Amino acid sequence: MIDDCNDCCGDTKNDKTLADLKAGEQSTIICISGDDSLKRRLSSMGVVKGTQISLDRKAPLGDPRAYELMGYKLSLRQAEAKQIVIEG
């Protein structure tokens, strides 16, 4: 089941998102906003509620970014990272 941010977070504009992490910082995923296809794609890669995730590094111009979760690295665009609400 993919958690809907409308149910758990409300207005995601005021929430901390994955795009707000700095290199080396770690947080826990709360939910994913956006359309269902994005939610399904991210979920299939392990981006689900309760997962610990950290920012490993950014590309020289800041996009894309490499995140580490569950022992592997995942590259996401900043626009995608802004759809992932985290604790903090």
C-alpha atoms as a PDB file:
ATOM      1  CA  MET A   1       0.000   0.000   0.000  1.00  0.00           C
ATOM      2  CA  ILE A   2       1.310   3.413  -0.952  1.00  0.00           C
ATOM      3  CA  ASP A   3       0.653   6.104   1.646  1.00  0.00           C
ATOM      4  CA  ASP A   4      -1.100   9.170   0.306  1.00  0.00           C
ATOM      5  CA  CYS A   5       0.359  12.412   1.629  1.00  0.00           C
ATOM      6  CA  ASN A   6      -3.091  13.962   1.676  1.00  0.00           C
ATOM      7  CA  ASP A   7      -3.994  11.494   4.424  1.00  0.00           C
ATOM      8  CA  CYS A   8      -0.815  11.658   6.515  1.00  0.00           C
ATOM      9  CA  CYS A   9       0.849  14.992   5.803  1.00  0.00           C
ATOM     10  CA  GLY A  10      -1.722  17.433   4.540  1.00  0.00           C
ATOM     11  CA  ASP A  11      -0.192  20.306   2.569  1.00  0.00           C
ATOM     12  CA  THR A  12       3.259  19.047   1.509  1.00  0.00           C
ATOM     13  CA  LYS A  13       4.453  22.572   0.638  1.00  0.00           C
ATOM     14  CA  ASN A  14       5.239  23.142   4.325  1.00  0.00           C
ATOM     15  CA  ASP A  15       6.725  19.702   4.981  1.00  0.00           C
ATOM     16  CA  LYS A  16      10.393  18.716   4.748  1.00  0.00           C
ATOM     17  CA  THR A  17      11.101  16.747   1.595  1.00  0.00           C
ATOM     18  CA  LEU A  18      13.952  14.592   0.384  1.00  0.00           C
ATOM     19  CA  ALA A  19      15.151  17.561  -1.692  1.00  0.00           C
ATOM     20  CA  ASP A  20      15.880  19.410   1.587  1.00  0.00           C
ATOM     21  CA  LEU A  21      18.484  16.888   2.801  1.00  0.00           C
ATOM     22  CA  LYS A  22      22.114  17.936   2.849  1.00  0.00           C
ATOM     23  CA  ALA A  23      24.962  15.556   1.966  1.00  0.00           C
ATOM     24  CA  GLY A  24      25.400  12.979   4.715  1.00  0.00           C
ATOM     25  CA  GLU A  25      22.051  13.708   6.380  1.00  0.00           C
ATOM     26  CA  GLN A  26      19.664  10.834   6.997  1.00  0.00           C
ATOM     27  CA  SER A  27      15.925  10.774   7.558  1.00  0.00           C
ATOM     28  CA  THR A  28      12.887   8.511   7.409  1.00  0.00           C
ATOM     29  CA  ILE A  29      10.327   8.576   4.614  1.00  0.00           C
ATOM     30  CA  ILE A  30       6.824   9.547   5.759  1.00  0.00           C
ATOM     31  CA  CYS A  31       4.917   9.470   2.462  1.00  0.00           C
ATOM     32  CA  ILE A  32       5.021  10.250  -1.254  1.00  0.00           C
ATOM     33  CA  SER A  33       2.926  12.918  -2.943  1.00  0.00           C
ATOM     34  CA  GLY A  34       2.357  13.179  -6.682  1.00  0.00           C
ATOM     35  CA  ASP A  35       0.557  11.021  -9.180  1.00  0.00           C
ATOM     36  CA  ASP A  36      -0.014   7.285  -8.826  1.00  0.00           C
ATOM     37  CA  SER A  37       2.521   6.325 -11.502  1.00  0.00           C
ATOM     38  CA  LEU A  38       5.306   8.153  -9.621  1.00  0.00           C
ATOM     39  CA  LYS A  39       4.228   6.549  -6.345  1.00  0.00           C
ATOM     40  CA  ARG A  40       4.256   3.068  -7.913  1.00  0.00           C
ATOM     41  CA  ARG A  41       7.655   3.605  -9.554  1.00  0.00           C
ATOM     42  CA  LEU A  42       9.273   4.898  -6.367  1.00  0.00           C
ATOM     43  CA  SER A  43       7.630   2.161  -4.301  1.00  0.00           C
ATOM     44  CA  SER A  44       9.050  -0.502  -6.629  1.00  0.00           C
ATOM     45  CA  MET A  45      12.528   0.907  -5.899  1.00  0.00           C
ATOM     46  CA  GLY A  46      12.056   0.696  -2.129  1.00  0.00           C
ATOM     47  CA  VAL A  47      11.008   4.290  -1.507  1.00  0.00           C
ATOM     48  CA  VAL A  48       8.248   3.520   0.993  1.00  0.00           C
ATOM     49  CA  LYS A  49       7.048   4.783   4.362  1.00  0.00           C
ATOM     50  CA  GLY A  50       9.460   4.012   7.197  1.00  0.00           C
ATOM     51  CA  THR A  51      12.551   3.564   5.016  1.00  0.00           C
ATOM     52  CA  GLN A  52      15.754   5.253   6.172  1.00  0.00           C
ATOM     53  CA  ILE A  53      17.320   7.309   3.369  1.00  0.00           C
ATOM     54  CA  SER A  54      20.333   9.613   3.146  1.00  0.00           C
ATOM     55  CA  LEU A  55      21.745  12.003   0.574  1.00  0.00           C
ATOM     56  CA  ASP A  56      25.018  10.588  -0.710  1.00  0.00           C
ATOM     57  CA  ARG A  57      25.913  13.302  -3.225  1.00  0.00           C
ATOM     58  CA  LYS A  58      24.634  15.822  -5.747  1.00  0.00           C
ATOM     59  CA  ALA A  59      25.674  16.346  -9.350  1.00  0.00           C
ATOM     60  CA  PRO A  60      27.767  19.505  -9.893  1.00  0.00           C
ATOM     61  CA  LEU A  61      24.693  21.538 -10.843  1.00  0.00           C
ATOM     62  CA  GLY A  62      22.595  19.931  -8.085  1.00  0.00           C
ATOM     63  CA  ASP A  63      20.504  17.612 -10.229  1.00  0.00           C
ATOM     64  CA  PRO A  64      20.265  14.612 -10.163  1.00  0.00           C
ATOM     65  CA  ARG A  65      21.077  13.517  -6.629  1.00  0.00           C
ATOM     66  CA  ALA A  66      22.273  10.149  -5.363  1.00  0.00           C
ATOM     67  CA  TYR A  67      20.517   8.779  -2.291  1.00  0.00           C
ATOM     68  CA  GLU A  68      21.354   5.689  -0.277  1.00  0.00           C
ATOM     69  CA  LEU A  69      18.661   3.399   1.059  1.00  0.00           C
ATOM     70  CA  MET A  70      18.559  -0.279   2.010  1.00  0.00           C
ATOM     71  CA  GLY A  71      22.215  -0.743   1.025  1.00  0.00           C
ATOM     72  CA  TYR A  72      22.025   0.623  -2.510  1.00  0.00           C
ATOM     73  CA  LYS A  73      22.270   3.982  -4.286  1.00  0.00           C
ATOM     74  CA  LEU A  74      19.319   5.540  -6.087  1.00  0.00           C
ATOM     75  CA  SER A  75      19.510   8.550  -8.389  1.00  0.00           C
ATOM     76  CA  LEU A  76      16.527  10.912  -8.377  1.00  0.00           C
ATOM     77  CA  ARG A  77      15.795  14.250  -9.982  1.00  0.00           C
ATOM     78  CA  GLN A  78      15.120  17.136  -7.631  1.00  0.00           C
ATOM     79  CA  ALA A  79      11.507  17.312  -8.849  1.00  0.00           C
ATOM     80  CA  GLU A  80      11.013  13.684  -7.765  1.00  0.00           C
ATOM     81  CA  ALA A  81      12.766  14.258  -4.437  1.00  0.00           C
ATOM     82  CA  LYS A  82      10.371  17.131  -3.702  1.00  0.00           C
ATOM     83  CA  GLN A  83       7.484  14.639  -3.802  1.00  0.00           C
ATOM     84  CA  ILE A  84       8.937  12.514  -0.970  1.00  0.00           C
ATOM     85  CA  VAL A  85       8.038  13.813   2.494  1.00  0.00           C
ATOM     86  CA  ILE A  86      10.502  12.954   5.265  1.00  0.00           C
ATOM     87  CA  GLU A  87      10.713  13.402   9.033  1.00  0.00           C
ATOM     88  CA  GLY A  88      12.203  16.583  10.294  1.00  0.00           C
END
